[in-house]
Amino acid sequence: MTTLKDTYRDSENIVRWLSNDRIPPKDLLEEFGMVADELVKHVKLHDDESLATILQYCENQKNMSNEEKSELDFELSATFGPGEKVVNVFTGEVHYT
């Protein structure tokens, strides 16, 4: 069970998980008893940080080395089997196994 004990407040007074420094999702913040104004601030920052993470992921995918691409192809084939079409939902890139 997740509790407020699994979090801390950073130097900006933002609630973050102890495990990964991310902001908990809105529903948990509500369960923790967060008030409306503070909740809005947390949700906006959570969304901004999530978008930044996704954009960094997309950039990293563009800059993969040939070795990393080969490893990804191998992993996709091992996971989905041969002859499957796999689409990265963040980048839109299509892979065929």
PDB file of N, CA and C in Angstrom:
ATOM      1  N   MET A   1       0.838  -1.187   0.000  1.00  0.00           N
ATOM      2  CA  MET A   1       0.000   0.000   0.000  1.00  0.00           C
ATOM      3  C   MET A   1       0.881   1.247   0.000  1.00  0.00           C
ATOM      4  N   THR A   2       0.580   2.168  -0.859  1.00  0.00           N
ATOM      5  CA  THR A   2       1.329   3.410  -0.961  1.00  0.00           C
ATOM      6  C   THR A   2       0.820   4.397   0.078  1.00  0.00           C
ATOM      7  N   THR A   3       1.750   5.021   0.779  1.00  0.00           N
ATOM      8  CA  THR A   3       1.371   6.012   1.783  1.00  0.00           C
ATOM      9  C   THR A   3       2.229   7.256   1.630  1.00  0.00           C
ATOM     10  N   LEU A   4       1.846   8.269   2.364  1.00  0.00           N
ATOM     11  CA  LEU A   4       2.602   9.517   2.369  1.00  0.00           C
ATOM     12  C   LEU A   4       4.023   9.290   2.879  1.00  0.00           C
ATOM     13  N   LYS A   5       4.240   8.213   3.649  1.00  0.00           N
ATOM     14  CA  LYS A   5       5.580   7.897   4.150  1.00  0.00           C
ATOM     15  C   LYS A   5       6.548   7.540   3.022  1.00  0.00           C
ATOM     16  N   ASP A   6       6.008   7.221   1.836  1.00  0.00           N
ATOM     17  CA  ASP A   6       6.832   6.883   0.676  1.00  0.00           C
ATOM     18  C   ASP A   6       7.277   8.122  -0.090  1.00  0.00           C
ATOM     19  N   THR A   7       6.966   9.306   0.448  1.00  0.00           N
ATOM     20  CA  THR A   7       7.266  10.564  -0.245  1.00  0.00           C
ATOM     21  C   THR A   7       8.076  11.496   0.643  1.00  0.00           C
ATOM     22  N   TYR A   8       8.563  12.568   0.020  1.00  0.00           N
ATOM     23  CA  TYR A   8       9.218  13.659   0.741  1.00  0.00           C
ATOM     24  C   TYR A   8       8.856  14.953   0.033  1.00  0.00           C
ATOM     25  N   ARG A   9       9.134  16.065   0.660  1.00  0.00           N
ATOM     26  CA  ARG A   9       8.943  17.381   0.013  1.00  0.00           C
ATOM     27  C   ARG A   9      10.315  17.937  -0.336  1.00  0.00           C
ATOM     28  N   ASP A  10      10.457  18.365  -1.596  1.00  0.00           N
ATOM     29  CA  ASP A  10      11.737  18.904  -2.039  1.00  0.00           C
ATOM     30  C   ASP A  10      11.903  20.356  -1.589  1.00  0.00           C
ATOM     31  N   SER A  11      12.957  20.996  -2.036  1.00  0.00           N
ATOM     32  CA  SER A  11      13.258  22.369  -1.612  1.00  0.00           C
ATOM     33  C   SER A  11      12.196  23.374  -2.072  1.00  0.00           C
ATOM     34  N   GLU A  12      11.384  23.000  -3.073  1.00  0.00           N
ATOM     35  CA  GLU A  12      10.297  23.854  -3.564  1.00  0.00           C
ATOM     36  C   GLU A  12       8.953  23.469  -2.929  1.00  0.00           C
ATOM     37  N   ASN A  13       8.998  22.576  -1.934  1.00  0.00           N
ATOM     38  CA  ASN A  13       7.815  22.086  -1.219  1.00  0.00           C
ATOM     39  C   ASN A  13       6.914  21.221  -2.106  1.00  0.00           C
ATOM     40  N   ILE A  14       7.523  20.539  -3.079  1.00  0.00           N
ATOM     41  CA  ILE A  14       6.804  19.639  -3.976  1.00  0.00           C
ATOM     42  C   ILE A  14       6.928  18.225  -3.431  1.00  0.00           C
ATOM     43  N   VAL A  15       5.800  17.500  -3.380  1.00  0.00           N
ATOM     44  CA  VAL A  15       5.804  16.113  -2.919  1.00  0.00           C
ATOM     45  C   VAL A  15       6.390  15.239  -4.021  1.00  0.00           C
ATOM     46  N   ARG A  16       7.366  14.407  -3.648  1.00  0.00           N
ATOM     47  CA  ARG A  16       8.024  13.502  -4.600  1.00  0.00           C
ATOM     48  C   ARG A  16       8.181  12.124  -3.976  1.00  0.00           C
ATOM     49  N   TRP A  17       8.229  11.109  -4.830  1.00  0.00           N
ATOM     50  CA  TRP A  17       8.481   9.752  -4.354  1.00  0.00           C
ATOM     51  C   TRP A  17       9.910   9.640  -3.855  1.00  0.00           C
ATOM     52  N   LEU A  18      10.103   8.939  -2.763  1.00  0.00           N
ATOM     53  CA  LEU A  18      11.448   8.640  -2.281  1.00  0.00           C
ATOM     54  C   LEU A  18      12.195   7.755  -3.277  1.00  0.00           C
ATOM     55  N   SER A  19      11.483   6.864  -3.930  1.00  0.00           N
ATOM     56  CA  SER A  19      12.101   5.863  -4.801  1.00  0.00           C
ATOM     57  C   SER A  19      12.678   6.427  -6.098  1.00  0.00           C
ATOM     58  N   ASN A  20      12.067   7.487  -6.660  1.00  0.00           N
ATOM     59  CA  ASN A  20      12.531   7.953  -7.969  1.00  0.00           C
ATOM     60  C   ASN A  20      12.461   9.472  -8.165  1.00  0.00           C
ATOM     61  N   ASP A  21      12.135  10.201  -7.127  1.00  0.00           N
ATOM     62  CA  ASP A  21      12.069  11.668  -7.166  1.00  0.00           C
ATOM     63  C   ASP A  21      10.991  12.230  -8.085  1.00  0.00           C
ATOM     64  N   ARG A  22      10.087  11.398  -8.560  1.00  0.00           N
ATOM     65  CA  ARG A  22       8.997  11.876  -9.410  1.00  0.00           C
ATOM     66  C   ARG A  22       7.814  12.311  -8.540  1.00  0.00           C
ATOM     67  N   ILE A  23       6.943  13.111  -9.117  1.00  0.00           N
ATOM     68  CA  ILE A  23       5.741  13.580  -8.431  1.00  0.00           C
ATOM     69  C   ILE A  23       4.665  12.496  -8.559  1.00  0.00           C
ATOM     70  N   PRO A  24       4.020  12.115  -7.474  1.00  0.00           N
ATOM     71  CA  PRO A  24       2.941  11.117  -7.564  1.00  0.00           C
ATOM     72  C   PRO A  24       1.798  11.622  -8.448  1.00  0.00           C
ATOM     73  N   PRO A  25       1.015  10.696  -9.003  1.00  0.00           N
ATOM     74  CA  PRO A  25      -0.125  11.105  -9.824  1.00  0.00           C
ATOM     75  C   PRO A  25      -1.214  11.784  -8.996  1.00  0.00           C
ATOM     76  N   LYS A  26      -2.070  12.492  -9.709  1.00  0.00           N
ATOM     77  CA  LYS A  26      -3.107  13.324  -9.086  1.00  0.00           C
ATOM     78  C   LYS A  26      -3.981  12.539  -8.108  1.00  0.00           C
ATOM     79  N   ASP A  27      -4.412  11.342  -8.496  1.00  0.00           N
ATOM     80  CA  ASP A  27      -5.322  10.595  -7.621  1.00  0.00           C
ATOM     81  C   ASP A  27      -4.684  10.272  -6.275  1.00  0.00           C
ATOM     82  N   LEU A  28      -3.390   9.981  -6.269  1.00  0.00           N
ATOM     83  CA  LEU A  28      -2.720   9.719  -4.995  1.00  0.00           C
ATOM     84  C   LEU A  28      -2.525  11.003  -4.195  1.00  0.00           C
ATOM     85  N   LEU A  29      -2.221  12.084  -4.881  1.00  0.00           N
ATOM     86  CA  LEU A  29      -2.087  13.364  -4.175  1.00  0.00           C
ATOM     87  C   LEU A  29      -3.403  13.727  -3.498  1.00  0.00           C
ATOM     88  N   GLU A  30      -4.508  13.449  -4.185  1.00  0.00           N
ATOM     89  CA  GLU A  30      -5.825  13.693  -3.586  1.00  0.00           C
ATOM     90  C   GLU A  30      -6.040  12.797  -2.366  1.00  0.00           C
ATOM     91  N   GLU A  31      -5.629  11.527  -2.493  1.00  0.00           N
ATOM     92  CA  GLU A  31      -5.758  10.607  -1.352  1.00  0.00           C
ATOM     93  C   GLU A  31      -4.913  11.077  -0.167  1.00  0.00           C
ATOM     94  N   PHE A  32      -3.789  11.706  -0.465  1.00  0.00           N
ATOM     95  CA  PHE A  32      -2.914  12.213   0.591  1.00  0.00           C
ATOM     96  C   PHE A  32      -3.503  13.463   1.242  1.00  0.00           C
ATOM     97  N   GLY A  33      -4.616  13.980   0.697  1.00  0.00           N
ATOM     98  CA  GLY A  33      -5.293  15.114   1.293  1.00  0.00           C
ATOM     99  C   GLY A  33      -4.811  16.466   0.805  1.00  0.00           C
ATOM    100  N   MET A  34      -4.206  16.502  -0.370  1.00  0.00           N
ATOM    101  CA  MET A  34      -3.695  17.765  -0.896  1.00  0.00           C
ATOM    102  C   MET A  34      -4.848  18.695  -1.269  1.00  0.00           C
ATOM    103  N   VAL A  35      -4.715  19.975  -0.943  1.00  0.00           N
ATOM    104  CA  VAL A  35      -5.754  20.965  -1.238  1.00  0.00           C
ATOM    105  C   VAL A  35      -5.649  21.440  -2.680  1.00  0.00           C
ATOM    106  N   ALA A  36      -6.726  22.051  -3.177  1.00  0.00           N
ATOM    107  CA  ALA A  36      -6.886  22.372  -4.590  1.00  0.00           C
ATOM    108  C   ALA A  36      -5.739  23.181  -5.196  1.00  0.00           C
ATOM    109  N   ASP A  37      -5.369  24.302  -4.577  1.00  0.00           N
ATOM    110  CA  ASP A  37      -4.321  25.155  -5.168  1.00  0.00           C
ATOM    111  C   ASP A  37      -2.991  24.410  -5.268  1.00  0.00           C
ATOM    112  N   GLU A  38      -2.668  23.697  -4.208  1.00  0.00           N
ATOM    113  CA  GLU A  38      -1.420  22.941  -4.206  1.00  0.00           C
ATOM    114  C   GLU A  38      -1.492  21.792  -5.215  1.00  0.00           C
ATOM    115  N   LEU A  39      -2.652  21.176  -5.330  1.00  0.00           N
ATOM    116  CA  LEU A  39      -2.841  20.072  -6.269  1.00  0.00           C
ATOM    117  C   LEU A  39      -2.634  20.543  -7.705  1.00  0.00           C
ATOM    118  N   VAL A  40      -3.185  21.690  -8.069  1.00  0.00           N
ATOM    119  CA  VAL A  40      -3.032  22.233  -9.418  1.00  0.00           C
ATOM    120  C   VAL A  40      -1.552  22.446  -9.737  1.00  0.00           C
ATOM    121  N   LYS A  41      -0.821  23.003  -8.794  1.00  0.00           N
ATOM    122  CA  LYS A  41       0.618  23.237  -8.982  1.00  0.00           C
ATOM    123  C   LYS A  41       1.357  21.911  -9.205  1.00  0.00           C
ATOM    124  N   HIS A  42       1.045  20.910  -8.404  1.00  0.00           N
ATOM    125  CA  HIS A  42       1.698  19.613  -8.520  1.00  0.00           C
ATOM    126  C   HIS A  42       1.375  18.937  -9.855  1.00  0.00           C
ATOM    127  N   VAL A  43       0.107  18.971 -10.245  1.00  0.00           N
ATOM    128  CA  VAL A  43      -0.305  18.313 -11.488  1.00  0.00           C
ATOM    129  C   VAL A  43       0.369  18.970 -12.693  1.00  0.00           C
ATOM    130  N   LYS A  44       0.439  20.302 -12.708  1.00  0.00           N
ATOM    131  CA  LYS A  44       1.104  20.993 -13.816  1.00  0.00           C
ATOM    132  C   LYS A  44       2.573  20.613 -13.875  1.00  0.00           C
ATOM    133  N   LEU A  45       3.256  20.613 -12.750  1.00  0.00           N
ATOM    134  CA  LEU A  45       4.670  20.253 -12.725  1.00  0.00           C
ATOM    135  C   LEU A  45       4.862  18.790 -13.108  1.00  0.00           C
ATOM    136  N   HIS A  46       3.974  17.913 -12.647  1.00  0.00           N
ATOM    137  CA  HIS A  46       4.019  16.497 -13.019  1.00  0.00           C
ATOM    138  C   HIS A  46       3.914  16.355 -14.531  1.00  0.00           C
ATOM    139  N   ASP A  47       2.951  17.056 -15.140  1.00  0.00           N
ATOM    140  CA  ASP A  47       2.754  16.991 -16.588  1.00  0.00           C
ATOM    141  C   ASP A  47       3.959  17.553 -17.335  1.00  0.00           C
ATOM    142  N   ASP A  48       4.505  18.663 -16.864  1.00  0.00           N
ATOM    143  CA  ASP A  48       5.688  19.265 -17.500  1.00  0.00           C
ATOM    144  C   ASP A  48       6.884  18.316 -17.445  1.00  0.00           C
ATOM    145  N   GLU A  49       7.093  17.698 -16.282  1.00  0.00           N
ATOM    146  CA  GLU A  49       8.219  16.766 -16.139  1.00  0.00           C
ATOM    147  C   GLU A  49       8.015  15.520 -16.992  1.00  0.00           C
ATOM    148  N   SER A  50       6.778  15.049 -17.076  1.00  0.00           N
ATOM    149  CA  SER A  50       6.484  13.875 -17.906  1.00  0.00           C
ATOM    150  C   SER A  50       6.742  14.175 -19.376  1.00  0.00           C
ATOM    151  N   LEU A  51       6.298  15.344 -19.838  1.00  0.00           N
ATOM    152  CA  LEU A  51       6.538  15.735 -21.227  1.00  0.00           C
ATOM    153  C   LEU A  51       8.033  15.837 -21.509  1.00  0.00           C
ATOM    154  N   ALA A  52       8.782  16.435 -20.599  1.00  0.00           N
ATOM    155  CA  ALA A  52      10.233  16.554 -20.785  1.00  0.00           C
ATOM    156  C   ALA A  52      10.879  15.175 -20.878  1.00  0.00           C
ATOM    157  N   THR A  53      10.412  14.242 -20.076  1.00  0.00           N
ATOM    158  CA  THR A  53      10.943  12.881 -20.107  1.00  0.00           C
ATOM    159  C   THR A  53      10.648  12.217 -21.448  1.00  0.00           C
ATOM    160  N   ILE A  54       9.434  12.384 -21.946  1.00  0.00           N
ATOM    161  CA  ILE A  54       9.054  11.788 -23.227  1.00  0.00           C
ATOM    162  C   ILE A  54       9.856  12.410 -24.370  1.00  0.00           C
ATOM    163  N   LEU A  55      10.023  13.719 -24.347  1.00  0.00           N
ATOM    164  CA  LEU A  55      10.799  14.385 -25.396  1.00  0.00           C
ATOM    165  C   LEU A  55      12.258  13.934 -25.369  1.00  0.00           C
ATOM    166  N   GLN A  56      12.822  13.756 -24.175  1.00  0.00           N
ATOM    167  CA  GLN A  56      14.203  13.270 -24.057  1.00  0.00           C
ATOM    168  C   GLN A  56      14.299  11.836 -24.579  1.00  0.00           C
ATOM    169  N   TYR A  57      13.311  11.020 -24.267  1.00  0.00           N
ATOM    170  CA  TYR A  57      13.271   9.646 -24.775  1.00  0.00           C
ATOM    171  C   TYR A  57      13.261   9.648 -26.307  1.00  0.00           C
ATOM    172  N   CYS A  58      12.411  10.474 -26.909  1.00  0.00           N
ATOM    173  CA  CYS A  58      12.332  10.549 -28.373  1.00  0.00           C
ATOM    174  C   CYS A  58      13.665  10.986 -28.975  1.00  0.00           C
ATOM    175  N   GLU A  59      14.303  11.952 -28.351  1.00  0.00           N
ATOM    176  CA  GLU A  59      15.617  12.409 -28.822  1.00  0.00           C
ATOM    177  C   GLU A  59      16.640  11.279 -28.712  1.00  0.00           C
ATOM    178  N   ASN A  60      16.620  10.558 -27.617  1.00  0.00           N
ATOM    179  CA  ASN A  60      17.543   9.437 -27.435  1.00  0.00           C
ATOM    180  C   ASN A  60      17.313   8.357 -28.486  1.00  0.00           C
ATOM    181  N   GLN A  61      16.044   8.125 -28.838  1.00  0.00           N
ATOM    182  CA  GLN A  61      15.745   7.126 -29.864  1.00  0.00           C
ATOM    183  C   GLN A  61      16.319   7.535 -31.218  1.00  0.00           C
ATOM    184  N   LYS A  62      16.262   8.834 -31.521  1.00  0.00           N
ATOM    185  CA  LYS A  62      16.818   9.328 -32.782  1.00  0.00           C
ATOM    186  C   LYS A  62      18.333   9.154 -32.848  1.00  0.00           C
ATOM    187  N   ASN A  63      18.975   9.227 -31.699  1.00  0.00           N
ATOM    188  CA  ASN A  63      20.435   9.209 -31.648  1.00  0.00           C
ATOM    189  C   ASN A  63      21.018   7.847 -31.277  1.00  0.00           C
ATOM    190  N   MET A  64      20.232   6.797 -31.439  1.00  0.00           N
ATOM    191  CA  MET A  64      20.727   5.455 -31.109  1.00  0.00           C
ATOM    192  C   MET A  64      21.845   5.050 -32.059  1.00  0.00           C
ATOM    193  N   SER A  65      22.842   4.373 -31.522  1.00  0.00           N
ATOM    194  CA  SER A  65      23.929   3.843 -32.347  1.00  0.00           C
ATOM    195  C   SER A  65      23.412   2.624 -33.122  1.00  0.00           C
ATOM    196  N   ASN A  66      24.171   2.197 -34.123  1.00  0.00           N
ATOM    197  CA  ASN A  66      23.785   1.009 -34.880  1.00  0.00           C
ATOM    198  C   ASN A  66      23.723  -0.213 -33.967  1.00  0.00           C
ATOM    199  N   GLU A  67      24.625  -0.283 -33.008  1.00  0.00           N
ATOM    200  CA  GLU A  67      24.629  -1.397 -32.060  1.00  0.00           C
ATOM    201  C   GLU A  67      23.358  -1.386 -31.215  1.00  0.00           C
ATOM    202  N   GLU A  68      22.948  -0.214 -30.762  1.00  0.00           N
ATOM    203  CA  GLU A  68      21.720  -0.100 -29.966  1.00  0.00           C
ATOM    204  C   GLU A  68      20.491  -0.461 -30.800  1.00  0.00           C
ATOM    205  N   LYS A  69      20.479  -0.048 -32.064  1.00  0.00           N
ATOM    206  CA  LYS A  69      19.358  -0.388 -32.946  1.00  0.00           C
ATOM    207  C   LYS A  69      19.279  -1.893 -33.167  1.00  0.00           C
ATOM    208  N   SER A  70      20.429  -2.530 -33.362  1.00  0.00           N
ATOM    209  CA  SER A  70      20.466  -3.986 -33.539  1.00  0.00           C
ATOM    210  C   SER A  70      19.962  -4.696 -32.287  1.00  0.00           C
ATOM    211  N   GLU A  71      20.362  -4.205 -31.129  1.00  0.00           N
ATOM    212  CA  GLU A  71      19.911  -4.797 -29.874  1.00  0.00           C
ATOM    213  C   GLU A  71      18.398  -4.629 -29.714  1.00  0.00           C
ATOM    214  N   LEU A  72      17.880  -3.473 -30.072  1.00  0.00           N
ATOM    215  CA  LEU A  72      16.441  -3.241 -30.001  1.00  0.00           C
ATOM    216  C   LEU A  72      15.703  -4.197 -30.928  1.00  0.00           C
ATOM    217  N   ASP A  73      16.193  -4.341 -32.160  1.00  0.00           N
ATOM    218  CA  ASP A  73      15.560  -5.265 -33.115  1.00  0.00           C
ATOM    219  C   ASP A  73      15.543  -6.685 -32.553  1.00  0.00           C
ATOM    220  N   PHE A  74      16.653  -7.103 -31.948  1.00  0.00           N
ATOM    221  CA  PHE A  74      16.736  -8.435 -31.356  1.00  0.00           C
ATOM    222  C   PHE A  74      15.709  -8.582 -30.231  1.00  0.00           C
ATOM    223  N   GLU A  75      15.633  -7.590 -29.354  1.00  0.00           N
ATOM    224  CA  GLU A  75      14.702  -7.648 -28.223  1.00  0.00           C
ATOM    225  C   GLU A  75      13.245  -7.676 -28.688  1.00  0.00           C
ATOM    226  N   LEU A  76      12.931  -6.870 -29.707  1.00  0.00           N
ATOM    227  CA  LEU A  76      11.560  -6.866 -30.227  1.00  0.00           C
ATOM    228  C   LEU A  76      11.205  -8.207 -30.842  1.00  0.00           C
ATOM    229  N   SER A  77      12.135  -8.797 -31.588  1.00  0.00           N
ATOM    230  CA  SER A  77      11.901 -10.099 -32.196  1.00  0.00           C
ATOM    231  C   SER A  77      11.720 -11.178 -31.128  1.00  0.00           C
ATOM    232  N   ALA A  78      12.537 -11.110 -30.083  1.00  0.00           N
ATOM    233  CA  ALA A  78      12.428 -12.091 -29.000  1.00  0.00           C
ATOM    234  C   ALA A  78      11.115 -11.928 -28.244  1.00  0.00           C
ATOM    235  N   THR A  79      10.651 -10.708 -28.134  1.00  0.00           N
ATOM    236  CA  THR A  79       9.422 -10.441 -27.384  1.00  0.00           C
ATOM    237  C   THR A  79       8.164 -10.763 -28.188  1.00  0.00           C
ATOM    238  N   PHE A  80       8.121 -10.323 -29.430  1.00  0.00           N
ATOM    239  CA  PHE A  80       6.900 -10.428 -30.220  1.00  0.00           C
ATOM    240  C   PHE A  80       6.903 -11.558 -31.241  1.00  0.00           C
ATOM    241  N   GLY A  81       8.050 -12.148 -31.494  1.00  0.00           N
ATOM    242  CA  GLY A  81       8.155 -13.211 -32.487  1.00  0.00           C
ATOM    243  C   GLY A  81       8.373 -12.640 -33.876  1.00  0.00           C
ATOM    244  N   PRO A  82       8.759 -13.501 -34.809  1.00  0.00           N
ATOM    245  CA  PRO A  82       9.059 -13.036 -36.170  1.00  0.00           C
ATOM    246  C   PRO A  82       7.808 -12.610 -36.934  1.00  0.00           C
ATOM    247  N   GLY A  83       7.994 -11.633 -37.810  1.00  0.00           N
ATOM    248  CA  GLY A  83       6.924 -11.201 -38.700  1.00  0.00           C
ATOM    249  C   GLY A  83       5.898 -10.261 -38.103  1.00  0.00           C
ATOM    250  N   GLU A  84       6.215  -9.681 -36.963  1.00  0.00           N
ATOM    251  CA  GLU A  84       5.265  -8.763 -36.323  1.00  0.00           C
ATOM    252  C   GLU A  84       5.637  -7.311 -36.599  1.00  0.00           C
ATOM    253  N   LYS A  85       4.618  -6.476 -36.662  1.00  0.00           N
ATOM    254  CA  LYS A  85       4.796  -5.027 -36.801  1.00  0.00           C
ATOM    255  C   LYS A  85       4.663  -4.419 -35.405  1.00  0.00           C
ATOM    256  N   VAL A  86       5.693  -3.690 -34.973  1.00  0.00           N
ATOM    257  CA  VAL A  86       5.692  -3.071 -33.653  1.00  0.00           C
ATOM    258  C   VAL A  86       5.865  -1.567 -33.839  1.00  0.00           C
ATOM    259  N   VAL A  87       4.960  -0.781 -33.261  1.00  0.00           N
ATOM    260  CA  VAL A  87       5.004   0.668 -33.403  1.00  0.00           C
ATOM    261  C   VAL A  87       5.335   1.307 -32.052  1.00  0.00           C
ATOM    262  N   ASN A  88       6.328   2.163 -32.027  1.00  0.00           N
ATOM    263  CA  ASN A  88       6.670   2.919 -30.829  1.00  0.00           C
ATOM    264  C   ASN A  88       5.631   4.027 -30.683  1.00  0.00           C
ATOM    265  N   VAL A  89       4.866   3.988 -29.602  1.00  0.00           N
ATOM    266  CA  VAL A  89       3.763   4.933 -29.441  1.00  0.00           C
ATOM    267  C   VAL A  89       4.230   6.366 -29.212  1.00  0.00           C
ATOM    268  N   PHE A  90       5.474   6.550 -28.809  1.00  0.00           N
ATOM    269  CA  PHE A  90       5.984   7.901 -28.578  1.00  0.00           C
ATOM    270  C   PHE A  90       6.606   8.503 -29.830  1.00  0.00           C
ATOM    271  N   THR A  91       7.346   7.705 -30.582  1.00  0.00           N
ATOM    272  CA  THR A  91       8.049   8.234 -31.750  1.00  0.00           C
ATOM    273  C   THR A  91       7.316   7.968 -33.060  1.00  0.00           C
ATOM    274  N   GLY A  92       6.422   6.988 -33.050  1.00  0.00           N
ATOM    275  CA  GLY A  92       5.735   6.586 -34.282  1.00  0.00           C
ATOM    276  C   GLY A  92       6.577   5.674 -35.149  1.00  0.00           C
ATOM    277  N   GLU A  93       7.775   5.370 -34.726  1.00  0.00           N
ATOM    278  CA  GLU A  93       8.669   4.519 -35.514  1.00  0.00           C
ATOM    279  C   GLU A  93       8.114   3.102 -35.579  1.00  0.00           C
ATOM    280  N   VAL A  94       8.163   2.521 -36.788  1.00  0.00           N
ATOM    281  CA  VAL A  94       7.648   1.172 -37.023  1.00  0.00           C
ATOM    282  C   VAL A  94       8.822   0.213 -37.144  1.00  0.00           C
ATOM    283  N   HIS A  95       8.729  -0.903 -36.446  1.00  0.00           N
ATOM    284  CA  HIS A  95       9.741  -1.956 -36.515  1.00  0.00           C
ATOM    285  C   HIS A  95       9.050  -3.225 -36.979  1.00  0.00           C
ATOM    286  N   TYR A  96       9.718  -3.980 -37.825  1.00  0.00           N
ATOM    287  CA  TYR A  96       9.234  -5.293 -38.237  1.00  0.00           C
ATOM    288  C   TYR A  96      10.195  -6.324 -37.680  1.00  0.00           C
ATOM    289  N   THR A  97       9.636  -7.316 -36.996  1.00  0.00           N
ATOM    290  CA  THR A  97      10.487  -8.333 -36.375  1.00  0.00           C
ATOM    291  C   THR A  97      10.757  -9.470 -37.323  1.00  0.00           C
TER     292      THR A  97
END
